């Protein structure tokens, strides 16, 4: 290595260090900026007039938003689905004819938020309105790729499938979201059958300006529900009329802090764009840290359950794994035998960020292949609605991090110990 190469490496290291120091200083500035911003926000918010919205009070998550939106799309009068037609044609710009649509149950059909089926097409709506759930890309493929293949497995051709992505603010899904487990990306294939619609810029204005005026005053339940939902979205985006003074105060603070000048709009926009990037970078790091701590929370919960299993069922062999066999999966349960065949009663989580937890009976850690299920065991699965056999599972159902162990314990006590001791 000659002196020139050594000098180039040194210069590169100095440059990298300067960037790191600059990023650190920018982050410190952002923290101070946000602290001052929050003080003004809290002060102004405390002066807002009394306001009540039932959806606000229920702390609607993405599933709740999906249920509300799906309910609106199902609205039908004289076999006409006015809202669905307007949404697909006017908002999504899809040239689709609504004939006999079926807006299926939220989170059904392979965990698709809102699946819609009609005679000649199927629509996948992936809801990201709260911006809390990241794209759920796993070893089984990207989220949208999995949903597309779920619909294909139901007999639909690729060209019959349309995908709608609805984030809180305008953005597209990650490229990984389109890639299936074989490495194929659907992104280019779906260019003409995909749209990204933000709740702030597309769905909220459509509901307020196009849908609400279509609802007659006499249709009080539909109208009041739609008004409540619009008001909830206005609250989410600080668009309520009573927020105007607060918004002005906050914007004045931002303009003063960043040195923005109204008579130099191009410069002001450039500064705001730079700060937006810095804020997004900081938010990305915060989200990564949150995910890291959330993973620790889930691991600690499973470790507590393991101790409980040892106490509650000292004669049973405990099985499980903490993200070592699969970086996305943690599970825990007990091995049991019935009619000379081994099974596992087990809790599993395959998405620790969203606490996607379920339990049931599987072949995990006890058998390389599935057995033919004994009738007595099948009856137990049916009685407990563990009726979704897939991969490692004979039957399973969703639960929660709060209820998973108590449900598994009752299940083992009431059923597994009973049949294995007979």
Protein backbone atom coordinates (compact mmCIF):
# COMPACT_ATOMS: atom_id res chain seq x y z
CA UNK A 1 0.00 0.00 0.00
CA UNK A 2 1.60 3.31 -1.06
CA UNK A 3 1.43 6.66 0.74
CA UNK A 4 -1.32 7.96 -1.56
CA UNK A 5 -3.61 5.05 -0.68
CA UNK A 6 -2.91 5.50 3.03
CA UNK A 7 -3.72 9.20 2.76
CA UNK A 8 -6.98 8.44 0.91
CA UNK A 9 -8.02 5.98 3.63
CA UNK A 10 -7.21 8.52 6.35
CA UNK A 11 -9.22 11.18 4.54
CA UNK A 12 -12.15 8.79 4.19
CA UNK A 13 -12.04 7.96 7.91
CA UNK A 14 -11.88 11.64 8.83
CA UNK A 15 -14.86 12.32 6.56
CA UNK A 16 -16.85 9.44 8.09
CA UNK A 17 -16.07 10.68 11.59
CA UNK A 18 -17.13 14.21 10.67
CA UNK A 19 -20.43 12.87 9.29
CA UNK A 20 -20.99 10.85 12.46
CA UNK A 21 -20.30 13.91 14.63
CA UNK A 22 -22.59 16.03 12.45
CA UNK A 23 -25.38 13.45 12.74
CA UNK A 24 -24.90 13.32 16.50
CA UNK A 25 -25.10 17.11 16.78
CA UNK A 26 -28.16 17.21 14.51
CA UNK A 27 -29.85 14.63 16.71
CA UNK A 28 -29.06 16.62 19.86
CA UNK A 29 -30.51 19.72 18.19
CA UNK A 30 -33.63 17.81 17.18
CA UNK A 31 -34.16 16.60 20.74
CA UNK A 32 -33.96 20.18 22.03
CA UNK A 33 -36.19 21.42 19.22
CA UNK A 34 -38.81 18.75 19.97
CA UNK A 35 -38.71 19.49 23.70
CA UNK A 36 -39.52 23.16 23.06
CA UNK A 37 -42.10 22.21 20.44
CA UNK A 38 -43.81 19.83 22.90
CA UNK A 39 -43.99 22.54 25.56
CA UNK A 40 -45.87 24.86 23.19
CA UNK A 41 -48.03 21.98 21.97
CA UNK A 42 -49.04 20.96 25.50
CA UNK A 43 -49.82 24.56 26.44
CA UNK A 44 -51.98 25.15 23.35
CA UNK A 45 -53.71 21.79 23.64
CA UNK A 46 -54.73 22.51 27.22
CA UNK A 47 -56.58 25.60 25.98
CA UNK A 48 -58.63 23.76 23.34
CA UNK A 49 -62.40 23.61 23.90
CA UNK A 50 -63.97 20.38 25.15
CA UNK A 51 -64.30 17.83 22.37
CA UNK A 52 -65.49 14.22 22.39
CA UNK A 53 -65.23 11.61 19.69
CA UNK A 54 -66.09 8.00 20.45
CA UNK A 55 -63.45 6.65 18.06
CA UNK A 56 -60.83 8.82 19.79
CA UNK A 57 -61.86 7.45 23.17
CA UNK A 58 -61.65 3.84 21.97
CA UNK A 59 -58.07 4.39 20.73
CA UNK A 60 -58.74 2.85 17.33
CA UNK A 61 -55.91 0.71 15.99
CA UNK A 62 -55.38 -0.35 12.38
CA UNK A 63 -57.84 -3.22 12.69
CA UNK A 64 -60.52 -0.82 13.94
CA UNK A 65 -59.83 1.56 11.04
CA UNK A 66 -60.06 -1.37 8.64
CA UNK A 67 -63.38 -2.49 10.12
CA UNK A 68 -64.84 1.01 9.80
CA UNK A 69 -63.57 1.47 6.25
CA UNK A 70 -64.74 -2.01 5.18
CA UNK A 71 -68.18 -1.27 6.64
CA UNK A 72 -68.43 1.88 4.53
CA UNK A 73 -67.36 0.01 1.40
CA UNK A 74 -70.09 -2.58 2.04
CA UNK A 75 -72.83 0.08 1.96
CA UNK A 76 -75.41 -1.05 -0.59
CA UNK A 77 -78.75 0.33 -1.78
CA UNK A 78 -80.78 -1.47 -4.45
CA UNK A 79 -77.80 -3.68 -5.32
CA UNK A 80 -75.62 -0.61 -5.90
CA UNK A 81 -72.37 -0.24 -3.95
CA UNK A 82 -71.96 3.51 -4.34
CA UNK A 83 -69.01 4.01 -1.98
CA UNK A 84 -67.05 1.03 -3.27
CA UNK A 85 -67.58 2.12 -6.88
CA UNK A 86 -66.45 5.67 -6.13
CA UNK A 87 -63.44 4.44 -4.18
CA UNK A 88 -62.17 2.07 -6.87
CA UNK A 89 -62.85 4.38 -9.82
CA UNK A 90 -62.47 7.94 -8.50
CA UNK A 91 -59.77 7.47 -5.85
CA UNK A 92 -57.81 4.40 -6.97
CA UNK A 93 -58.34 5.12 -10.70
CA UNK A 94 -58.96 1.43 -11.36
CA UNK A 95 -61.22 0.67 -14.31
CA UNK A 96 -63.23 -1.98 -12.48
CA UNK A 97 -66.91 -2.81 -12.71
CA UNK A 98 -68.59 -3.49 -9.38
CA UNK A 99 -71.06 -6.35 -9.88
CA UNK A 100 -71.34 -8.75 -6.95
CA UNK A 101 -68.64 -7.64 -4.54
CA UNK A 102 -67.79 -9.41 -1.32
CA UNK A 103 -65.89 -7.20 1.13
CA UNK A 104 -64.71 -9.95 3.41
CA UNK A 105 -64.06 -9.93 7.14
CA UNK A 106 -61.14 -7.77 8.20
CA UNK A 107 -57.87 -9.63 8.77
CA UNK A 108 -59.22 -12.76 7.09
CA UNK A 109 -57.91 -14.47 3.98
CA UNK A 110 -54.29 -14.87 5.04
CA UNK A 111 -54.31 -11.83 7.37
CA UNK A 112 -55.19 -9.38 4.57
CA UNK A 113 -56.60 -6.21 6.16
CA UNK A 114 -59.48 -5.76 3.69
CA UNK A 115 -59.91 -8.45 1.01
CA UNK A 116 -62.49 -7.70 -1.70
CA UNK A 117 -63.67 -10.24 -4.26
CA UNK A 118 -65.85 -9.66 -7.31
CA UNK A 119 -66.64 -11.74 -10.37
CA UNK A 120 -63.57 -10.84 -12.41
CA UNK A 121 -61.09 -9.40 -9.90
CA UNK A 122 -59.85 -9.33 -6.32
CA UNK A 123 -58.60 -6.32 -4.36
CA UNK A 124 -56.10 -6.39 -1.51
CA UNK A 125 -56.15 -3.37 0.84
CA UNK A 126 -53.18 -3.12 3.21
CA UNK A 127 -53.87 -0.55 5.94
CA UNK A 128 -51.01 1.41 7.53
CA UNK A 129 -53.07 4.31 8.89
CA UNK A 130 -51.43 4.45 12.32
CA UNK A 131 -47.88 4.18 10.94
CA UNK A 132 -47.12 1.83 13.84
CA UNK A 133 -46.92 -1.46 11.97
CA UNK A 134 -43.94 -1.86 9.67
CA UNK A 135 -44.16 -3.89 6.47
CA UNK A 136 -44.32 -7.46 7.75
CA UNK A 137 -41.67 -9.07 5.58
CA UNK A 138 -40.58 -12.54 6.72
CA UNK A 139 -38.65 -15.54 5.44
CA UNK A 140 -41.91 -16.54 3.73
CA UNK A 141 -41.74 -13.41 1.59
CA UNK A 142 -42.68 -9.74 1.63
CA UNK A 143 -46.07 -8.76 2.98
CA UNK A 144 -47.65 -7.77 -0.33
CA UNK A 145 -46.06 -10.72 -2.14
CA UNK A 146 -47.59 -13.12 0.40
CA UNK A 147 -51.01 -11.50 0.04
CA UNK A 148 -50.84 -11.67 -3.76
CA UNK A 149 -49.97 -15.37 -3.58
CA UNK A 150 -52.73 -15.97 -1.04
CA UNK A 151 -55.23 -14.67 -3.60
CA UNK A 152 -53.55 -16.65 -6.39
CA UNK A 153 -53.91 -19.81 -4.32
CA UNK A 154 -57.65 -19.19 -4.29
CA UNK A 155 -57.74 -19.51 -8.07
CA UNK A 156 -57.30 -15.89 -9.14
CA UNK A 157 -54.91 -15.02 -11.95
CA UNK A 158 -52.22 -12.44 -11.27
CA UNK A 159 -53.77 -9.98 -13.75
CA UNK A 160 -57.05 -10.14 -11.80
CA UNK A 161 -55.46 -8.92 -8.57
CA UNK A 162 -55.27 -5.25 -7.54
CA UNK A 163 -53.32 -3.92 -4.55
CA UNK A 164 -54.11 -0.78 -2.52
CA UNK A 165 -51.67 0.48 0.13
CA UNK A 166 -53.04 3.04 2.61
CA UNK A 167 -50.39 4.67 4.83
CA UNK A 168 -51.03 7.59 7.17
CA UNK A 169 -48.93 9.95 5.02
CA UNK A 170 -47.93 9.57 1.38
CA UNK A 171 -45.34 6.84 0.85
CA UNK A 172 -44.85 3.60 -1.04
CA UNK A 173 -44.22 0.17 0.47
CA UNK A 174 -40.63 -1.02 0.72
CA UNK A 175 -39.19 -2.90 -2.25
CA UNK A 176 -38.80 -5.99 -0.02
CA UNK A 177 -42.56 -5.96 0.48
CA UNK A 178 -43.00 -7.15 -3.11
CA UNK A 179 -40.45 -10.00 -3.06
CA UNK A 180 -41.68 -13.55 -2.49
CA UNK A 181 -39.76 -16.33 -0.73
CA UNK A 182 -38.24 -17.42 -4.07
CA UNK A 183 -36.78 -13.95 -4.66
CA UNK A 184 -39.26 -12.85 -7.34
CA UNK A 185 -40.50 -9.25 -7.12
CA UNK A 186 -44.07 -8.43 -8.10
CA UNK A 187 -43.39 -4.68 -8.10
CA UNK A 188 -43.05 -4.13 -11.86
CA UNK A 189 -45.80 -6.63 -12.67
CA UNK A 190 -48.28 -4.68 -10.52
CA UNK A 191 -47.40 -1.14 -11.62
CA UNK A 192 -50.75 -0.68 -13.35
CA UNK A 193 -52.70 -2.53 -10.65
CA UNK A 194 -51.29 -0.81 -7.58
CA UNK A 195 -51.92 2.49 -5.87
CA UNK A 196 -50.74 4.05 -2.64
CA UNK A 197 -53.35 6.30 -1.01
CA UNK A 198 -52.55 8.26 2.10
CA UNK A 199 -55.26 8.78 4.68
CA UNK A 200 -54.37 12.46 5.02
CA UNK A 201 -54.17 13.44 1.36
CA UNK A 202 -56.52 10.96 -0.33
CA UNK A 203 -58.93 9.04 1.90
CA UNK A 204 -59.84 11.79 4.38
CA UNK A 205 -60.64 14.41 1.66
CA UNK A 206 -62.61 11.80 -0.29
CA UNK A 207 -64.74 10.90 2.72
CA UNK A 208 -65.40 14.54 3.59
CA UNK A 209 -65.91 16.04 0.14
CA UNK A 210 -67.33 13.16 -1.90
CA UNK A 211 -68.93 10.61 0.42
CA UNK A 212 -70.51 12.66 3.23
CA UNK A 213 -72.51 14.86 0.79
CA UNK A 214 -73.96 11.67 -0.76
CA UNK A 215 -75.48 10.57 2.57
CA UNK A 216 -78.98 11.91 3.16
CA UNK A 217 -79.72 13.73 6.42
CA UNK A 218 -82.42 11.16 7.10
CA UNK A 219 -79.88 8.33 7.04
CA UNK A 220 -78.84 9.33 10.54
CA UNK A 221 -76.84 6.26 11.59
CA UNK A 222 -74.66 6.12 8.49
CA UNK A 223 -74.25 9.89 8.44
CA UNK A 224 -73.35 10.22 12.12
CA UNK A 225 -70.89 7.30 11.88
CA UNK A 226 -69.23 8.85 8.84
CA UNK A 227 -69.08 12.28 10.51
CA UNK A 228 -67.50 10.73 13.60
CA UNK A 229 -64.89 8.97 11.47
CA UNK A 230 -64.11 12.13 9.49
CA UNK A 231 -63.80 14.06 12.75
CA UNK A 232 -61.49 11.37 14.13
CA UNK A 233 -59.24 11.69 11.08
CA UNK A 234 -59.27 15.49 11.41
CA UNK A 235 -58.13 15.04 15.00
CA UNK A 236 -55.40 12.65 13.89
CA UNK A 237 -54.06 15.23 11.41
CA UNK A 238 -54.76 18.35 13.55
CA UNK A 239 -57.32 19.57 11.00
CA UNK A 240 -60.20 20.35 13.36
CA UNK A 241 -61.28 23.99 13.20
CA UNK A 242 -60.57 24.47 16.91
CA UNK A 243 -56.96 23.46 16.20
CA UNK A 244 -56.30 26.46 13.94
CA UNK A 245 -54.88 28.73 16.66
CA UNK A 246 -52.69 25.93 17.99
CA UNK A 247 -51.45 25.14 14.48
CA UNK A 248 -50.55 28.80 13.90
CA UNK A 249 -48.59 28.98 17.17
CA UNK A 250 -46.70 25.78 16.37
CA UNK A 251 -45.94 26.88 12.81
CA UNK A 252 -44.73 30.28 14.04
CA UNK A 253 -42.38 28.48 16.43
CA UNK A 254 -41.03 26.30 13.61
CA UNK A 255 -40.52 29.29 11.30
CA UNK A 256 -38.69 31.23 13.99
CA UNK A 257 -36.56 28.28 15.10
CA UNK A 258 -35.52 27.35 11.55
CA UNK A 259 -35.20 30.92 10.28
CA UNK A 260 -37.86 30.51 7.59
CA UNK A 261 -38.88 33.58 5.61
CA UNK A 262 -42.28 33.81 3.95
CA UNK A 263 -40.86 35.86 1.07
CA UNK A 264 -38.37 33.08 0.26
CA UNK A 265 -40.63 30.04 -0.22
CA UNK A 266 -38.11 27.95 -2.21
CA UNK A 267 -35.47 28.33 0.50
CA UNK A 268 -38.01 27.66 3.26
CA UNK A 269 -39.23 24.50 1.54
CA UNK A 270 -35.65 23.25 1.13
CA UNK A 271 -34.89 23.80 4.82
CA UNK A 272 -38.09 22.03 5.85
CA UNK A 273 -37.29 19.11 3.55
CA UNK A 274 -33.85 18.76 5.14
CA UNK A 275 -35.35 18.79 8.64
CA UNK A 276 -38.00 16.31 7.57
CA UNK A 277 -35.25 13.92 6.46
CA UNK A 278 -33.43 14.39 9.77
CA UNK A 279 -36.63 13.77 11.72
CA UNK A 280 -37.37 10.65 9.69
CA UNK A 281 -33.84 9.37 10.28
CA UNK A 282 -34.30 9.93 14.01
CA UNK A 283 -37.72 8.26 13.94
CA UNK A 284 -36.24 5.27 12.14
CA UNK A 285 -33.64 4.85 14.88
CA UNK A 286 -36.30 5.28 17.55
CA UNK A 287 -38.43 2.61 15.86
CA UNK A 288 -35.46 0.24 15.72
CA UNK A 289 -34.87 0.76 19.44
CA UNK A 290 -38.55 0.25 20.20
CA UNK A 291 -38.49 -3.00 18.25
CA UNK A 292 -35.37 -4.11 20.11
CA UNK A 293 -36.98 -3.46 23.50
CA UNK A 294 -40.26 -5.02 22.35
CA UNK A 295 -38.36 -8.18 21.46
CA UNK A 296 -36.85 -8.22 24.95
CA UNK A 297 -40.32 -7.80 26.47
CA UNK A 298 -41.61 -10.80 24.50
CA UNK A 299 -38.57 -12.92 25.41
CA UNK A 300 -38.95 -12.06 29.11
CA UNK A 301 -42.63 -13.01 28.94
CA UNK A 302 -41.82 -16.39 27.41
CA UNK A 303 -39.14 -16.93 30.06
CA UNK A 304 -41.71 -16.28 32.79
CA UNK A 305 -44.08 -18.73 31.11
CA UNK A 306 -41.32 -21.34 31.01
CA UNK A 307 -40.91 -21.11 34.79
CA UNK A 308 -44.68 -21.35 35.19
CA UNK A 309 -44.79 -24.48 33.01
CA UNK A 310 -42.09 -26.07 35.17
CA UNK A 311 -44.17 -25.35 38.26
CA UNK A 312 -47.61 -26.17 36.85
CA UNK A 313 -46.65 -29.28 34.87
CA UNK A 314 -43.49 -30.75 36.43
CA UNK A 315 -43.98 -34.16 34.76
CA UNK A 316 -44.20 -32.81 31.21
CA UNK A 317 -41.21 -32.14 28.94
CA UNK A 318 -40.92 -28.47 27.98
CA UNK A 319 -40.08 -27.59 24.36
CA UNK A 320 -39.44 -24.26 22.68
CA UNK A 321 -37.02 -21.90 21.00
CA UNK A 322 -36.14 -18.22 21.42
CA UNK A 323 -35.49 -16.87 17.90
CA UNK A 324 -32.49 -19.19 17.25
CA UNK A 325 -34.05 -21.52 14.67
CA UNK A 326 -35.95 -18.66 13.06
CA UNK A 327 -35.12 -15.03 13.78
CA UNK A 328 -38.82 -14.10 13.63
CA UNK A 329 -40.29 -16.90 15.78
CA UNK A 330 -40.32 -17.64 19.49
CA UNK A 331 -42.33 -20.52 20.93
CA UNK A 332 -42.85 -22.50 24.11
CA UNK A 333 -44.93 -25.48 25.13
CA UNK A 334 -45.00 -29.04 26.39
CA UNK A 335 -44.59 -32.40 24.73
CA UNK A 336 -47.30 -35.04 25.16
CA UNK A 337 -48.00 -38.47 23.72
CA UNK A 338 -51.29 -39.94 22.63
CA UNK A 339 -51.83 -43.31 20.97
CA UNK A 340 -48.03 -43.70 20.66
CA UNK A 341 -47.71 -40.44 18.74
CA UNK A 342 -45.92 -37.30 19.95
CA UNK A 343 -47.48 -33.84 19.88
CA UNK A 344 -46.79 -30.39 21.34
CA UNK A 345 -49.24 -28.03 23.03
CA UNK A 346 -47.53 -24.76 22.31
CA UNK A 347 -47.63 -20.95 22.25
CA UNK A 348 -45.92 -19.15 19.39
CA UNK A 349 -45.24 -15.56 18.31
CA UNK A 350 -44.10 -14.86 14.75
CA UNK A 351 -44.19 -11.07 14.95
CA UNK A 352 -42.96 -9.64 18.23
CA UNK A 353 -43.47 -6.03 17.11
CA UNK A 354 -47.23 -6.50 16.72
CA UNK A 355 -47.43 -9.26 19.36
CA UNK A 356 -48.87 -11.73 16.85
CA UNK A 357 -49.44 -14.59 19.31
CA UNK A 358 -51.31 -17.86 18.88
CA UNK A 359 -51.49 -21.30 20.50
CA UNK A 360 -52.57 -24.81 19.64
CA UNK A 361 -51.31 -28.31 18.91
CA UNK A 362 -48.39 -28.89 16.56
CA UNK A 363 -45.49 -31.16 15.72
CA UNK A 364 -42.86 -28.65 16.89
CA UNK A 365 -39.73 -30.31 18.34
CA UNK A 366 -41.42 -33.73 18.58
CA UNK A 367 -41.95 -35.05 15.04
CA UNK A 368 -40.41 -34.50 11.60
CA UNK A 369 -43.76 -35.10 9.91
CA UNK A 370 -47.42 -34.72 10.78
CA UNK A 371 -49.31 -37.72 12.11
CA UNK A 372 -52.79 -38.68 11.13
CA UNK A 373 -54.75 -37.06 13.92
CA UNK A 374 -56.57 -39.41 16.35
CA UNK A 375 -60.32 -38.78 16.53
CA UNK A 376 -60.20 -37.81 20.21
CA UNK A 377 -57.57 -35.16 19.50
CA UNK A 378 -59.46 -33.86 16.48
CA UNK A 379 -62.55 -33.48 18.67
CA UNK A 380 -60.52 -31.41 21.14
CA UNK A 381 -59.29 -29.16 18.32
CA UNK A 382 -62.84 -28.66 17.07
CA UNK A 383 -64.21 -27.98 20.57
CA UNK A 384 -61.59 -25.24 21.08
CA UNK A 385 -61.89 -23.82 17.56
CA UNK A 386 -58.29 -24.78 16.80
CA UNK A 387 -59.19 -25.41 13.20
CA UNK A 388 -56.47 -23.90 11.04
CA UNK A 389 -54.05 -26.72 10.15
CA UNK A 390 -50.95 -25.37 8.39
CA UNK A 391 -47.24 -26.20 8.25
CA UNK A 392 -46.28 -27.36 11.76
CA UNK A 393 -49.79 -27.04 13.14
CA UNK A 394 -52.66 -29.50 13.53
CA UNK A 395 -54.78 -26.62 14.78
CA UNK A 396 -54.28 -23.16 16.25
CA UNK A 397 -55.99 -19.85 16.99
CA UNK A 398 -54.98 -16.31 17.88
CA UNK A 399 -54.62 -15.13 21.44
CA UNK A 400 -52.70 -12.28 23.09
CA UNK A 401 -49.52 -11.82 25.08
CA UNK A 402 -51.72 -11.16 28.09
CA UNK A 403 -53.94 -14.25 27.78
CA UNK A 404 -51.73 -16.80 26.02
CA UNK A 405 -50.40 -18.65 29.06
CA UNK A 406 -53.70 -18.83 30.92
CA UNK A 407 -55.39 -20.20 27.78
CA UNK A 408 -52.64 -22.78 27.26
CA UNK A 409 -52.72 -23.83 30.92
CA UNK A 410 -56.49 -24.36 30.88
CA UNK A 411 -56.15 -26.24 27.61
CA UNK A 412 -53.49 -28.59 29.01
CA UNK A 413 -55.33 -29.08 32.32
CA UNK A 414 -58.75 -29.65 30.82
CA UNK A 415 -57.91 -31.66 27.72
CA UNK A 416 -54.32 -32.84 27.30
CA UNK A 417 -53.82 -34.27 30.78
CA UNK A 418 -57.25 -35.86 30.63
CA UNK A 419 -56.71 -37.83 27.43
CA UNK A 420 -53.09 -38.77 28.19
CA UNK A 421 -53.97 -40.11 31.64
CA UNK A 422 -56.96 -42.17 30.51
